[in-house]
Amino acid sequence: MRIQDGVYWYKEKGLLDANTYVIKDELTLLIDPGGLENYLGLRLEEMRAGGIDARDIDLIALTHLHPDHCGATASLKEISGAKVALHSSQLEYLDIMAEEASRFLGIGTAKKFEVDFVLEESLNLGNTELRILHTPGHSPESICFYAPAKKTLICGDLVFEKSVGRTDLPFGCTEELKSSINRVSTLDTELLLPGHGAIIEGRSNVKRNYEFVREYYFGWL
């Protein structure tokens, strides 16, 4: 579903899946292909119905390495021929995070995939410049993608509509989560795109959501 010029949202399909986002420019970037492979087929059908074929995808990136976000990466890479780009912090945790999170959740380990290059502080897709922000807390290698010109933040499992990312999974840290949320809350954001649940549209709604999180969650964070 198109939610902004060149930005598309594909809702999570069920248990152990996540929202997928596509930014279409001179290069087409897909963020978080999701978890179970049977969901991937449904997602690709939905994308095709909206005019985006798997072969249109140039890059695959991940907000973090939990299996509900990255489990379908290997299959999507094979189908699309896209390159996989990870942040340096994600390279550090690539093997251990998949194993530990899968063990904690009681599911099989996701299929391994090759990484083609490392994301730096920014990523240029053509007319769209993305800032890559390291935002640990939910997991140590979590990152957000911020498009200043679009005033759009893709935040993974950092913060949701009236909720925050859990920190009881392996390597989670509540203090880092709080710090990361405080950091992104200063960004000029009119469209907040989380890893699960509903998106938040409008600067005032985004601001109110951060205020809600501070009031109801920061007391124990």
N, C-alpha and C. Protein backbone atom coordinates (compact mmCIF):
# COMPACT_ATOMS: atom_id res chain seq x y z
N MET A 1 0.83 -1.19 0.00
CA MET A 1 0.00 0.00 0.00
C MET A 1 0.87 1.26 0.00
N ARG A 2 0.62 2.14 -0.94
CA ARG A 2 1.37 3.39 -1.01
C ARG A 2 0.89 4.33 0.09
N ILE A 3 1.82 4.82 0.91
CA ILE A 3 1.45 5.72 2.00
C ILE A 3 2.06 7.11 1.85
N GLN A 4 2.98 7.24 0.92
CA GLN A 4 3.64 8.51 0.66
C GLN A 4 4.30 8.38 -0.71
N ASP A 5 4.63 9.47 -1.34
CA ASP A 5 5.28 9.40 -2.64
C ASP A 5 6.54 8.55 -2.55
N GLY A 6 6.53 7.41 -3.21
CA GLY A 6 7.68 6.52 -3.23
C GLY A 6 7.84 5.64 -2.01
N VAL A 7 6.89 5.67 -1.07
CA VAL A 7 6.99 4.87 0.16
C VAL A 7 5.78 3.95 0.26
N TYR A 8 6.03 2.65 0.51
CA TYR A 8 4.98 1.65 0.54
C TYR A 8 5.05 0.84 1.84
N TRP A 9 3.87 0.47 2.33
CA TRP A 9 3.76 -0.30 3.57
C TRP A 9 3.03 -1.60 3.30
N TYR A 10 3.63 -2.72 3.73
CA TYR A 10 3.01 -4.03 3.62
C TYR A 10 2.89 -4.61 5.02
N LYS A 11 1.65 -4.74 5.48
CA LYS A 11 1.39 -5.09 6.87
C LYS A 11 1.85 -6.51 7.20
N GLU A 12 2.25 -6.69 8.44
CA GLU A 12 2.62 -8.02 8.93
C GLU A 12 1.46 -8.98 8.70
N LYS A 13 1.80 -10.24 8.39
CA LYS A 13 0.78 -11.20 7.98
C LYS A 13 0.29 -12.10 9.11
N GLY A 14 1.02 -12.16 10.21
CA GLY A 14 0.61 -13.04 11.30
C GLY A 14 1.71 -13.17 12.33
N LEU A 15 1.66 -14.25 13.10
CA LEU A 15 2.63 -14.50 14.16
C LEU A 15 4.03 -14.62 13.57
N LEU A 16 5.00 -14.04 14.25
CA LEU A 16 6.40 -14.06 13.83
C LEU A 16 6.59 -13.46 12.45
N ASP A 17 5.93 -12.33 12.23
CA ASP A 17 6.12 -11.56 11.02
C ASP A 17 6.23 -10.09 11.42
N ALA A 18 6.52 -9.22 10.48
CA ALA A 18 6.71 -7.80 10.78
C ALA A 18 6.25 -6.96 9.60
N ASN A 19 6.02 -5.69 9.84
CA ASN A 19 5.73 -4.76 8.76
C ASN A 19 6.94 -4.65 7.83
N THR A 20 6.66 -4.60 6.54
CA THR A 20 7.70 -4.40 5.53
C THR A 20 7.48 -3.04 4.89
N TYR A 21 8.57 -2.34 4.63
CA TYR A 21 8.48 -1.03 3.97
C TYR A 21 9.36 -1.03 2.73
N VAL A 22 8.88 -0.40 1.68
CA VAL A 22 9.63 -0.26 0.43
C VAL A 22 9.73 1.22 0.09
N ILE A 23 10.94 1.66 -0.21
CA ILE A 23 11.17 3.02 -0.71
C ILE A 23 11.64 2.90 -2.15
N LYS A 24 10.85 3.47 -3.05
CA LYS A 24 11.13 3.34 -4.48
C LYS A 24 11.67 4.64 -5.02
N ASP A 25 12.89 4.58 -5.56
CA ASP A 25 13.56 5.75 -6.12
C ASP A 25 14.39 5.25 -7.29
N GLU A 26 15.53 5.88 -7.57
CA GLU A 26 16.43 5.33 -8.59
C GLU A 26 16.86 3.93 -8.19
N LEU A 27 17.06 3.73 -6.89
CA LEU A 27 17.23 2.40 -6.31
C LEU A 27 16.01 2.11 -5.46
N THR A 28 15.59 0.85 -5.44
CA THR A 28 14.45 0.45 -4.63
C THR A 28 14.94 -0.35 -3.43
N LEU A 29 14.59 0.13 -2.25
CA LEU A 29 15.02 -0.47 -0.99
C LEU A 29 13.84 -1.12 -0.29
N LEU A 30 14.02 -2.36 0.14
CA LEU A 30 13.03 -3.05 0.97
C LEU A 30 13.62 -3.22 2.36
N ILE A 31 12.87 -2.80 3.37
CA ILE A 31 13.31 -2.88 4.75
C ILE A 31 12.45 -3.90 5.50
N ASP A 32 13.10 -4.92 6.05
CA ASP A 32 12.48 -5.98 6.85
C ASP A 32 11.56 -6.86 6.02
N PRO A 33 12.10 -7.91 5.39
CA PRO A 33 11.28 -8.81 4.58
C PRO A 33 10.34 -9.70 5.39
N GLY A 34 10.49 -9.71 6.71
CA GLY A 34 9.58 -10.49 7.54
C GLY A 34 10.15 -11.83 7.95
N GLY A 35 9.28 -12.64 8.57
CA GLY A 35 9.76 -13.86 9.21
C GLY A 35 9.53 -15.12 8.40
N LEU A 36 8.40 -15.76 8.59
CA LEU A 36 8.15 -17.05 7.97
C LEU A 36 8.07 -16.92 6.45
N GLU A 37 8.62 -17.92 5.76
CA GLU A 37 8.72 -17.83 4.31
C GLU A 37 7.36 -17.88 3.61
N ASN A 38 6.37 -18.54 4.22
CA ASN A 38 5.05 -18.57 3.57
C ASN A 38 4.42 -17.18 3.56
N TYR A 39 4.80 -16.33 4.52
CA TYR A 39 4.33 -14.95 4.50
C TYR A 39 4.97 -14.17 3.34
N LEU A 40 6.20 -14.53 3.00
CA LEU A 40 6.91 -13.81 1.94
C LEU A 40 6.15 -13.90 0.62
N GLY A 41 5.62 -15.07 0.31
CA GLY A 41 4.86 -15.23 -0.92
C GLY A 41 3.65 -14.31 -0.96
N LEU A 42 2.95 -14.21 0.16
CA LEU A 42 1.79 -13.31 0.25
C LEU A 42 2.23 -11.86 0.08
N ARG A 43 3.36 -11.52 0.68
CA ARG A 43 3.86 -10.14 0.60
C ARG A 43 4.24 -9.79 -0.83
N LEU A 44 4.90 -10.70 -1.52
CA LEU A 44 5.31 -10.44 -2.90
C LEU A 44 4.10 -10.31 -3.83
N GLU A 45 3.05 -11.10 -3.55
CA GLU A 45 1.82 -10.97 -4.34
C GLU A 45 1.21 -9.59 -4.13
N GLU A 46 1.20 -9.14 -2.89
CA GLU A 46 0.65 -7.82 -2.58
C GLU A 46 1.46 -6.72 -3.26
N MET A 47 2.77 -6.89 -3.27
CA MET A 47 3.63 -5.90 -3.92
C MET A 47 3.37 -5.88 -5.42
N ARG A 48 3.25 -7.04 -6.03
CA ARG A 48 2.99 -7.11 -7.48
C ARG A 48 1.68 -6.44 -7.83
N ALA A 49 0.68 -6.62 -6.98
CA ALA A 49 -0.63 -5.99 -7.23
C ALA A 49 -0.51 -4.48 -7.22
N GLY A 50 0.48 -3.96 -6.49
CA GLY A 50 0.70 -2.52 -6.43
C GLY A 50 1.75 -2.03 -7.41
N GLY A 51 2.23 -2.91 -8.28
CA GLY A 51 3.16 -2.50 -9.33
C GLY A 51 4.63 -2.67 -9.02
N ILE A 52 4.97 -3.39 -7.93
CA ILE A 52 6.37 -3.62 -7.59
C ILE A 52 6.66 -5.11 -7.67
N ASP A 53 7.53 -5.49 -8.58
CA ASP A 53 7.94 -6.88 -8.73
C ASP A 53 9.17 -7.14 -7.86
N ALA A 54 9.35 -8.39 -7.46
CA ALA A 54 10.51 -8.74 -6.64
C ALA A 54 11.81 -8.32 -7.31
N ARG A 55 11.86 -8.43 -8.64
CA ARG A 55 13.09 -8.09 -9.37
C ARG A 55 13.35 -6.59 -9.40
N ASP A 56 12.37 -5.80 -8.98
CA ASP A 56 12.57 -4.35 -8.89
C ASP A 56 13.38 -3.96 -7.67
N ILE A 57 13.48 -4.88 -6.70
CA ILE A 57 14.17 -4.58 -5.45
C ILE A 57 15.68 -4.62 -5.68
N ASP A 58 16.35 -3.53 -5.36
CA ASP A 58 17.80 -3.45 -5.51
C ASP A 58 18.53 -3.77 -4.21
N LEU A 59 17.94 -3.34 -3.09
CA LEU A 59 18.60 -3.48 -1.79
C LEU A 59 17.63 -4.02 -0.75
N ILE A 60 18.14 -4.86 0.13
CA ILE A 60 17.40 -5.34 1.29
C ILE A 60 18.16 -4.89 2.53
N ALA A 61 17.46 -4.25 3.47
CA ALA A 61 18.07 -3.84 4.73
C ALA A 61 17.17 -4.25 5.88
N LEU A 62 17.73 -4.27 7.08
CA LEU A 62 17.01 -4.76 8.26
C LEU A 62 17.10 -3.75 9.39
N THR A 63 15.98 -3.58 10.10
CA THR A 63 16.04 -2.73 11.29
C THR A 63 16.76 -3.45 12.42
N HIS A 64 16.66 -4.78 12.47
CA HIS A 64 17.39 -5.58 13.45
C HIS A 64 17.28 -7.05 13.05
N LEU A 65 17.92 -7.91 13.83
CA LEU A 65 18.11 -9.29 13.41
C LEU A 65 17.21 -10.30 14.09
N HIS A 66 16.11 -9.87 14.67
CA HIS A 66 15.16 -10.84 15.21
C HIS A 66 14.47 -11.57 14.06
N PRO A 67 14.17 -12.87 14.23
CA PRO A 67 13.70 -13.68 13.10
C PRO A 67 12.39 -13.22 12.48
N ASP A 68 11.53 -12.52 13.24
CA ASP A 68 10.28 -12.04 12.64
C ASP A 68 10.52 -10.92 11.64
N HIS A 69 11.70 -10.32 11.68
CA HIS A 69 12.05 -9.25 10.74
C HIS A 69 12.97 -9.72 9.62
N CYS A 70 13.83 -10.69 9.91
CA CYS A 70 14.87 -11.05 8.93
C CYS A 70 14.79 -12.49 8.44
N GLY A 71 13.82 -13.27 8.93
CA GLY A 71 13.79 -14.69 8.58
C GLY A 71 13.67 -14.98 7.10
N ALA A 72 13.03 -14.10 6.35
CA ALA A 72 12.81 -14.32 4.91
C ALA A 72 13.88 -13.66 4.04
N THR A 73 14.93 -13.13 4.67
CA THR A 73 15.94 -12.39 3.91
C THR A 73 16.63 -13.25 2.85
N ALA A 74 17.05 -14.45 3.24
CA ALA A 74 17.77 -15.32 2.30
C ALA A 74 16.89 -15.65 1.10
N SER A 75 15.64 -15.98 1.35
CA SER A 75 14.73 -16.33 0.25
C SER A 75 14.46 -15.14 -0.66
N LEU A 76 14.25 -13.97 -0.05
CA LEU A 76 13.99 -12.79 -0.87
C LEU A 76 15.22 -12.43 -1.70
N LYS A 77 16.39 -12.56 -1.13
CA LYS A 77 17.63 -12.28 -1.87
C LYS A 77 17.74 -13.20 -3.08
N GLU A 78 17.40 -14.48 -2.88
CA GLU A 78 17.47 -15.44 -3.97
C GLU A 78 16.45 -15.14 -5.06
N ILE A 79 15.24 -14.78 -4.65
CA ILE A 79 14.17 -14.50 -5.61
C ILE A 79 14.41 -13.22 -6.39
N SER A 80 14.86 -12.19 -5.68
CA SER A 80 14.95 -10.85 -6.27
C SER A 80 16.29 -10.54 -6.92
N GLY A 81 17.35 -11.20 -6.44
CA GLY A 81 18.69 -10.84 -6.89
C GLY A 81 19.20 -9.57 -6.23
N ALA A 82 18.50 -9.08 -5.21
CA ALA A 82 18.89 -7.85 -4.52
C ALA A 82 20.12 -8.07 -3.65
N LYS A 83 20.80 -6.98 -3.34
CA LYS A 83 21.93 -7.03 -2.43
C LYS A 83 21.45 -6.76 -1.01
N VAL A 84 22.11 -7.38 -0.05
CA VAL A 84 21.78 -7.18 1.36
C VAL A 84 22.79 -6.23 1.98
N ALA A 85 22.27 -5.19 2.63
CA ALA A 85 23.11 -4.20 3.28
C ALA A 85 22.80 -4.18 4.77
N LEU A 86 23.83 -4.38 5.60
CA LEU A 86 23.66 -4.35 7.05
C LEU A 86 24.53 -3.27 7.67
N HIS A 87 24.10 -2.80 8.82
CA HIS A 87 24.89 -1.85 9.61
C HIS A 87 26.04 -2.61 10.27
N SER A 88 27.12 -1.89 10.59
CA SER A 88 28.28 -2.53 11.21
C SER A 88 27.92 -3.24 12.51
N SER A 89 27.01 -2.67 13.29
CA SER A 89 26.59 -3.32 14.54
C SER A 89 25.86 -4.62 14.27
N GLN A 90 25.16 -4.69 13.14
CA GLN A 90 24.45 -5.91 12.79
C GLN A 90 25.41 -7.00 12.35
N LEU A 91 26.48 -6.63 11.68
CA LEU A 91 27.49 -7.62 11.32
C LEU A 91 28.07 -8.27 12.56
N GLU A 92 28.27 -7.48 13.59
CA GLU A 92 28.86 -7.98 14.84
C GLU A 92 27.98 -9.05 15.48
N TYR A 93 26.66 -8.90 15.35
CA TYR A 93 25.72 -9.81 16.02
C TYR A 93 25.04 -10.78 15.06
N LEU A 94 25.48 -10.82 13.80
CA LEU A 94 24.74 -11.54 12.77
C LEU A 94 24.46 -13.00 13.13
N ASP A 95 25.45 -13.73 13.56
CA ASP A 95 25.27 -15.15 13.86
C ASP A 95 24.63 -15.38 15.22
N ILE A 96 25.12 -14.72 16.23
CA ILE A 96 24.66 -14.99 17.59
C ILE A 96 23.23 -14.52 17.82
N MET A 97 22.83 -13.40 17.22
CA MET A 97 21.49 -12.88 17.46
C MET A 97 20.43 -13.82 16.91
N ALA A 98 20.63 -14.31 15.71
CA ALA A 98 19.66 -15.22 15.10
C ALA A 98 19.50 -16.48 15.95
N GLU A 99 20.61 -17.01 16.43
CA GLU A 99 20.56 -18.24 17.23
C GLU A 99 19.90 -18.00 18.58
N GLU A 100 20.28 -16.93 19.27
CA GLU A 100 19.76 -16.67 20.60
C GLU A 100 18.28 -16.30 20.57
N ALA A 101 17.89 -15.44 19.63
CA ALA A 101 16.48 -15.04 19.55
C ALA A 101 15.61 -16.24 19.16
N SER A 102 16.08 -17.07 18.25
CA SER A 102 15.32 -18.25 17.85
C SER A 102 15.17 -19.22 19.01
N ARG A 103 16.23 -19.39 19.77
CA ARG A 103 16.17 -20.28 20.93
C ARG A 103 15.19 -19.74 21.97
N PHE A 104 15.23 -18.45 22.20
CA PHE A 104 14.35 -17.82 23.19
C PHE A 104 12.89 -17.98 22.78
N LEU A 105 12.61 -17.82 21.47
CA LEU A 105 11.24 -17.89 20.96
C LEU A 105 10.79 -19.31 20.67
N GLY A 106 11.72 -20.26 20.75
CA GLY A 106 11.38 -21.65 20.52
C GLY A 106 11.07 -21.99 19.08
N ILE A 107 11.79 -21.35 18.15
CA ILE A 107 11.60 -21.61 16.73
C ILE A 107 12.92 -21.97 16.09
N GLY A 108 12.88 -22.49 14.87
CA GLY A 108 14.11 -22.83 14.17
C GLY A 108 14.90 -21.60 13.78
N THR A 109 16.19 -21.77 13.62
CA THR A 109 17.05 -20.67 13.22
C THR A 109 16.79 -20.30 11.77
N ALA A 110 16.72 -19.00 11.49
CA ALA A 110 16.47 -18.53 10.13
C ALA A 110 17.60 -18.93 9.18
N LYS A 111 17.24 -19.11 7.92
CA LYS A 111 18.23 -19.45 6.90
C LYS A 111 19.26 -18.33 6.79
N LYS A 112 20.54 -18.70 6.74
CA LYS A 112 21.60 -17.70 6.67
C LYS A 112 21.65 -17.05 5.29
N PHE A 113 22.13 -15.81 5.27
CA PHE A 113 22.22 -15.06 4.02
C PHE A 113 23.56 -14.34 3.96
N GLU A 114 24.00 -14.05 2.75
CA GLU A 114 25.25 -13.32 2.56
C GLU A 114 24.99 -11.82 2.60
N VAL A 115 25.94 -11.10 3.17
CA VAL A 115 25.88 -9.64 3.25
C VAL A 115 26.77 -9.07 2.15
N ASP A 116 26.24 -8.12 1.39
CA ASP A 116 26.96 -7.57 0.25
C ASP A 116 27.75 -6.30 0.56
N PHE A 117 27.21 -5.46 1.45
CA PHE A 117 27.98 -4.29 1.85
C PHE A 117 27.46 -3.74 3.17
N VAL A 118 28.24 -2.84 3.75
CA VAL A 118 27.95 -2.30 5.08
C VAL A 118 27.37 -0.89 4.95
N LEU A 119 26.29 -0.63 5.66
CA LEU A 119 25.69 0.69 5.68
C LEU A 119 26.53 1.66 6.51
N GLU A 120 26.69 2.85 5.99
CA GLU A 120 27.40 3.89 6.73
C GLU A 120 26.37 4.79 7.41
N GLU A 121 26.68 6.05 7.59
CA GLU A 121 25.77 6.95 8.29
C GLU A 121 24.60 7.39 7.42
N SER A 122 24.73 7.20 6.11
CA SER A 122 23.63 7.58 5.22
C SER A 122 23.59 6.64 4.03
N LEU A 123 22.44 6.63 3.36
CA LEU A 123 22.24 5.80 2.17
C LEU A 123 21.49 6.63 1.15
N ASN A 124 22.07 6.77 -0.04
CA ASN A 124 21.47 7.57 -1.11
C ASN A 124 20.79 6.64 -2.10
N LEU A 125 19.47 6.82 -2.26
CA LEU A 125 18.70 6.00 -3.19
C LEU A 125 18.44 6.71 -4.50
N GLY A 126 18.91 7.94 -4.63
CA GLY A 126 18.66 8.76 -5.81
C GLY A 126 18.24 10.14 -5.34
N ASN A 127 16.94 10.38 -5.32
CA ASN A 127 16.42 11.64 -4.76
C ASN A 127 16.14 11.53 -3.27
N THR A 128 16.23 10.32 -2.75
CA THR A 128 15.94 10.08 -1.33
C THR A 128 17.22 9.77 -0.58
N GLU A 129 17.51 10.60 0.42
CA GLU A 129 18.66 10.38 1.29
C GLU A 129 18.17 9.86 2.63
N LEU A 130 18.69 8.73 3.06
CA LEU A 130 18.32 8.16 4.34
C LEU A 130 19.47 8.29 5.33
N ARG A 131 19.16 8.75 6.53
CA ARG A 131 20.12 8.72 7.62
C ARG A 131 19.96 7.41 8.37
N ILE A 132 21.08 6.76 8.65
CA ILE A 132 21.07 5.48 9.36
C ILE A 132 21.43 5.76 10.82
N LEU A 133 20.50 5.48 11.73
CA LEU A 133 20.68 5.80 13.14
C LEU A 133 20.78 4.51 13.95
N HIS A 134 21.86 4.36 14.68
CA HIS A 134 22.01 3.19 15.56
C HIS A 134 21.18 3.45 16.82
N THR A 135 20.17 2.62 17.06
CA THR A 135 19.23 2.86 18.16
C THR A 135 19.05 1.59 18.99
N PRO A 136 20.06 1.22 19.77
CA PRO A 136 19.98 -0.01 20.57
C PRO A 136 18.96 0.10 21.69
N GLY A 137 18.61 -1.05 22.23
CA GLY A 137 17.67 -1.12 23.33
C GLY A 137 16.82 -2.37 23.20
N HIS A 138 15.97 -2.40 22.19
CA HIS A 138 15.21 -3.63 21.90
C HIS A 138 16.18 -4.75 21.58
N SER A 139 17.20 -4.41 20.85
CA SER A 139 18.33 -5.30 20.59
C SER A 139 19.55 -4.42 20.34
N PRO A 140 20.76 -4.93 20.55
CA PRO A 140 21.94 -4.06 20.48
C PRO A 140 22.27 -3.57 19.08
N GLU A 141 21.74 -4.24 18.06
CA GLU A 141 22.08 -3.88 16.68
C GLU A 141 20.92 -3.20 15.96
N SER A 142 19.93 -2.75 16.70
CA SER A 142 18.77 -2.10 16.08
C SER A 142 19.16 -0.76 15.44
N ILE A 143 18.59 -0.49 14.28
CA ILE A 143 18.81 0.79 13.61
C ILE A 143 17.47 1.34 13.13
N CYS A 144 17.44 2.64 12.89
CA CYS A 144 16.30 3.32 12.28
C CYS A 144 16.74 3.96 10.97
N PHE A 145 15.80 4.14 10.08
CA PHE A 145 16.05 4.81 8.80
C PHE A 145 15.23 6.09 8.79
N TYR A 146 15.90 7.23 8.67
CA TYR A 146 15.21 8.52 8.70
C TYR A 146 15.42 9.25 7.39
N ALA A 147 14.31 9.62 6.75
CA ALA A 147 14.36 10.39 5.50
C ALA A 147 13.97 11.82 5.82
N PRO A 148 14.95 12.74 5.98
CA PRO A 148 14.64 14.12 6.38
C PRO A 148 13.70 14.83 5.42
N ALA A 149 13.91 14.65 4.12
CA ALA A 149 13.07 15.35 3.15
C ALA A 149 11.62 14.88 3.20
N LYS A 150 11.42 13.61 3.53
CA LYS A 150 10.08 13.05 3.64
C LYS A 150 9.54 13.14 5.06
N LYS A 151 10.41 13.51 6.01
CA LYS A 151 10.05 13.58 7.43
C LYS A 151 9.44 12.25 7.90
N THR A 152 10.14 11.17 7.49
CA THR A 152 9.66 9.82 7.73
C THR A 152 10.70 9.02 8.49
N LEU A 153 10.26 8.30 9.52
CA LEU A 153 11.15 7.47 10.33
C LEU A 153 10.65 6.04 10.33
N ILE A 154 11.49 5.13 9.86
CA ILE A 154 11.23 3.70 9.94
C ILE A 154 12.00 3.20 11.15
N CYS A 155 11.26 2.80 12.20
CA CYS A 155 11.90 2.64 13.51
C CYS A 155 11.95 1.21 14.03
N GLY A 156 11.58 0.22 13.22
CA GLY A 156 11.66 -1.16 13.70
C GLY A 156 10.86 -1.36 14.97
N ASP A 157 11.45 -2.04 15.96
CA ASP A 157 10.76 -2.33 17.21
C ASP A 157 11.20 -1.40 18.34
N LEU A 158 11.63 -0.21 17.98
CA LEU A 158 12.02 0.77 19.00
C LEU A 158 10.79 1.33 19.71
N VAL A 159 9.84 1.82 18.93
CA VAL A 159 8.64 2.43 19.50
C VAL A 159 7.47 2.14 18.56
N PHE A 160 6.29 1.95 19.18
CA PHE A 160 5.08 1.65 18.43
C PHE A 160 3.99 2.67 18.79
N GLU A 161 2.82 2.46 18.22
CA GLU A 161 1.67 3.27 18.64
C GLU A 161 1.33 2.91 20.09
N LYS A 162 1.55 3.86 20.99
CA LYS A 162 1.26 3.72 22.42
C LYS A 162 1.97 2.53 23.06
N SER A 163 3.17 2.24 22.58
CA SER A 163 3.94 1.15 23.18
C SER A 163 5.42 1.29 22.79
N VAL A 164 6.23 0.43 23.39
CA VAL A 164 7.67 0.43 23.10
C VAL A 164 8.14 -1.00 22.89
N GLY A 165 9.35 -1.14 22.33
CA GLY A 165 9.91 -2.46 22.10
C GLY A 165 10.25 -3.17 23.40
N ARG A 166 10.05 -4.47 23.42
CA ARG A 166 10.38 -5.27 24.61
C ARG A 166 11.88 -5.38 24.76
N THR A 167 12.32 -5.55 25.99
CA THR A 167 13.77 -5.66 26.24
C THR A 167 14.13 -6.94 26.98
N ASP A 168 13.19 -7.90 27.03
CA ASP A 168 13.48 -9.15 27.72
C ASP A 168 14.05 -10.22 26.80
N LEU A 169 14.21 -9.91 25.53
CA LEU A 169 14.87 -10.82 24.60
C LEU A 169 16.38 -10.73 24.80
N PRO A 170 17.15 -11.71 24.31
CA PRO A 170 18.60 -11.69 24.53
C PRO A 170 19.24 -10.36 24.11
N PHE A 171 20.06 -9.82 24.99
CA PHE A 171 20.84 -8.60 24.77
C PHE A 171 20.01 -7.32 24.78
N GLY A 172 18.74 -7.39 25.15
CA GLY A 172 17.93 -6.18 25.28
C GLY A 172 18.40 -5.35 26.46
N CYS A 173 18.14 -4.03 26.40
CA CYS A 173 18.58 -3.13 27.47
C CYS A 173 17.58 -1.98 27.59
N THR A 174 16.92 -1.88 28.74
CA THR A 174 15.89 -0.86 28.91
C THR A 174 16.46 0.55 28.92
N GLU A 175 17.61 0.75 29.51
CA GLU A 175 18.19 2.09 29.54
C GLU A 175 18.56 2.56 28.15
N GLU A 176 19.10 1.66 27.33
CA GLU A 176 19.44 2.02 25.96
C GLU A 176 18.18 2.29 25.14
N LEU A 177 17.12 1.53 25.41
CA LEU A 177 15.86 1.76 24.71
C LEU A 177 15.35 3.17 24.99
N LYS A 178 15.35 3.55 26.25
CA LYS A 178 14.89 4.89 26.64
C LYS A 178 15.73 5.96 25.96
N SER A 179 17.04 5.79 25.96
CA SER A 179 17.93 6.77 25.35
C SER A 179 17.68 6.88 23.85
N SER A 180 17.48 5.74 23.20
CA SER A 180 17.24 5.75 21.75
C SER A 180 15.92 6.41 21.40
N ILE A 181 14.87 6.15 22.21
CA ILE A 181 13.57 6.79 21.96
C ILE A 181 13.69 8.30 22.14
N ASN A 182 14.38 8.71 23.20
CA ASN A 182 14.58 10.15 23.40
C ASN A 182 15.30 10.78 22.21
N ARG A 183 16.25 10.06 21.66
CA ARG A 183 17.03 10.58 20.53
C ARG A 183 16.15 10.78 19.30
N VAL A 184 15.37 9.76 18.93
CA VAL A 184 14.58 9.88 17.70
C VAL A 184 13.40 10.83 17.88
N SER A 185 12.97 11.04 19.13
CA SER A 185 11.83 11.93 19.35
C SER A 185 12.15 13.38 19.00
N THR A 186 13.43 13.72 18.86
CA THR A 186 13.82 15.08 18.50
C THR A 186 13.79 15.31 16.99
N LEU A 187 13.64 14.24 16.22
CA LEU A 187 13.61 14.36 14.76
C LEU A 187 12.29 14.96 14.29
N ASP A 188 12.34 15.72 13.23
CA ASP A 188 11.13 16.30 12.63
C ASP A 188 10.44 15.18 11.84
N THR A 189 9.43 14.57 12.47
CA THR A 189 8.80 13.38 11.90
C THR A 189 7.30 13.59 11.72
N GLU A 190 6.84 13.35 10.51
CA GLU A 190 5.41 13.42 10.21
C GLU A 190 4.82 12.05 9.89
N LEU A 191 5.70 11.07 9.71
CA LEU A 191 5.26 9.72 9.41
C LEU A 191 6.16 8.74 10.16
N LEU A 192 5.60 8.06 11.16
CA LEU A 192 6.35 7.10 11.98
C LEU A 192 5.93 5.69 11.58
N LEU A 193 6.90 4.90 11.14
CA LEU A 193 6.63 3.58 10.57
C LEU A 193 7.28 2.51 11.43
N PRO A 194 6.53 1.91 12.36
CA PRO A 194 7.09 0.90 13.26
C PRO A 194 7.09 -0.50 12.67
N GLY A 195 7.78 -1.40 13.36
CA GLY A 195 7.92 -2.76 12.88
C GLY A 195 6.68 -3.61 13.05
N HIS A 196 5.77 -3.19 13.90
CA HIS A 196 4.52 -3.93 14.12
C HIS A 196 3.39 -2.93 14.35
N GLY A 197 2.18 -3.36 14.03
CA GLY A 197 1.03 -2.54 14.32
C GLY A 197 0.84 -1.40 13.33
N ALA A 198 0.11 -0.39 13.78
CA ALA A 198 -0.29 0.71 12.92
C ALA A 198 0.82 1.73 12.73
N ILE A 199 0.77 2.44 11.62
CA ILE A 199 1.65 3.57 11.38
C ILE A 199 1.04 4.81 12.03
N ILE A 200 1.85 5.83 12.26
CA ILE A 200 1.37 7.07 12.87
C ILE A 200 1.63 8.21 11.91
N GLU A 201 0.58 8.90 11.51
CA GLU A 201 0.67 9.97 10.52
C GLU A 201 0.38 11.32 11.15
N GLY A 202 1.14 12.32 10.77
CA GLY A 202 0.94 13.68 11.25
C GLY A 202 1.88 14.02 12.38
N ARG A 203 2.52 15.20 12.27
CA ARG A 203 3.49 15.61 13.29
C ARG A 203 2.89 15.64 14.69
N SER A 204 1.68 16.15 14.81
CA SER A 204 1.05 16.25 16.14
C SER A 204 0.77 14.87 16.72
N ASN A 205 0.37 13.92 15.88
CA ASN A 205 0.09 12.57 16.36
C ASN A 205 1.38 11.86 16.78
N VAL A 206 2.44 12.08 16.01
CA VAL A 206 3.74 11.50 16.37
C VAL A 206 4.20 12.06 17.71
N LYS A 207 4.07 13.37 17.86
CA LYS A 207 4.48 14.02 19.11
C LYS A 207 3.68 13.50 20.29
N ARG A 208 2.36 13.36 20.11
CA ARG A 208 1.52 12.86 21.20
C ARG A 208 1.89 11.43 21.56
N ASN A 209 2.29 10.65 20.57
CA ASN A 209 2.68 9.27 20.85
C ASN A 209 3.94 9.22 21.72
N TYR A 210 4.93 10.07 21.41
CA TYR A 210 6.13 10.13 22.25
C TYR A 210 5.77 10.59 23.66
N GLU A 211 4.85 11.53 23.77
CA GLU A 211 4.44 12.01 25.09
C GLU A 211 3.75 10.90 25.88
N PHE A 212 2.93 10.11 25.20
CA PHE A 212 2.27 8.97 25.84
C PHE A 212 3.30 7.97 26.35
N VAL A 213 4.27 7.66 25.49
CA VAL A 213 5.31 6.70 25.86
C VAL A 213 6.08 7.19 27.08
N ARG A 214 6.42 8.45 27.09
CA ARG A 214 7.15 9.00 28.24
C ARG A 214 6.32 8.89 29.52
N GLU A 215 5.04 9.18 29.42
CA GLU A 215 4.19 9.20 30.62
C GLU A 215 3.93 7.79 31.15
N TYR A 216 3.67 6.84 30.25
CA TYR A 216 3.22 5.53 30.70
C TYR A 216 4.31 4.46 30.71
N TYR A 217 5.45 4.70 30.07
CA TYR A 217 6.49 3.68 30.03
C TYR A 217 7.80 4.11 30.67
N PHE A 218 8.13 5.38 30.61
CA PHE A 218 9.46 5.80 31.09
C PHE A 218 9.60 5.69 32.60
N GLY A 219 8.47 5.52 33.30
CA GLY A 219 8.57 5.32 34.74
C GLY A 219 9.28 4.04 35.11
N TRP A 220 9.16 3.02 34.23
CA TRP A 220 9.83 1.75 34.54
C TRP A 220 11.01 1.48 33.62
N LEU A 221 11.19 2.33 32.60
CA LEU A 221 12.34 2.15 31.72
C LEU A 221 13.60 2.68 32.38
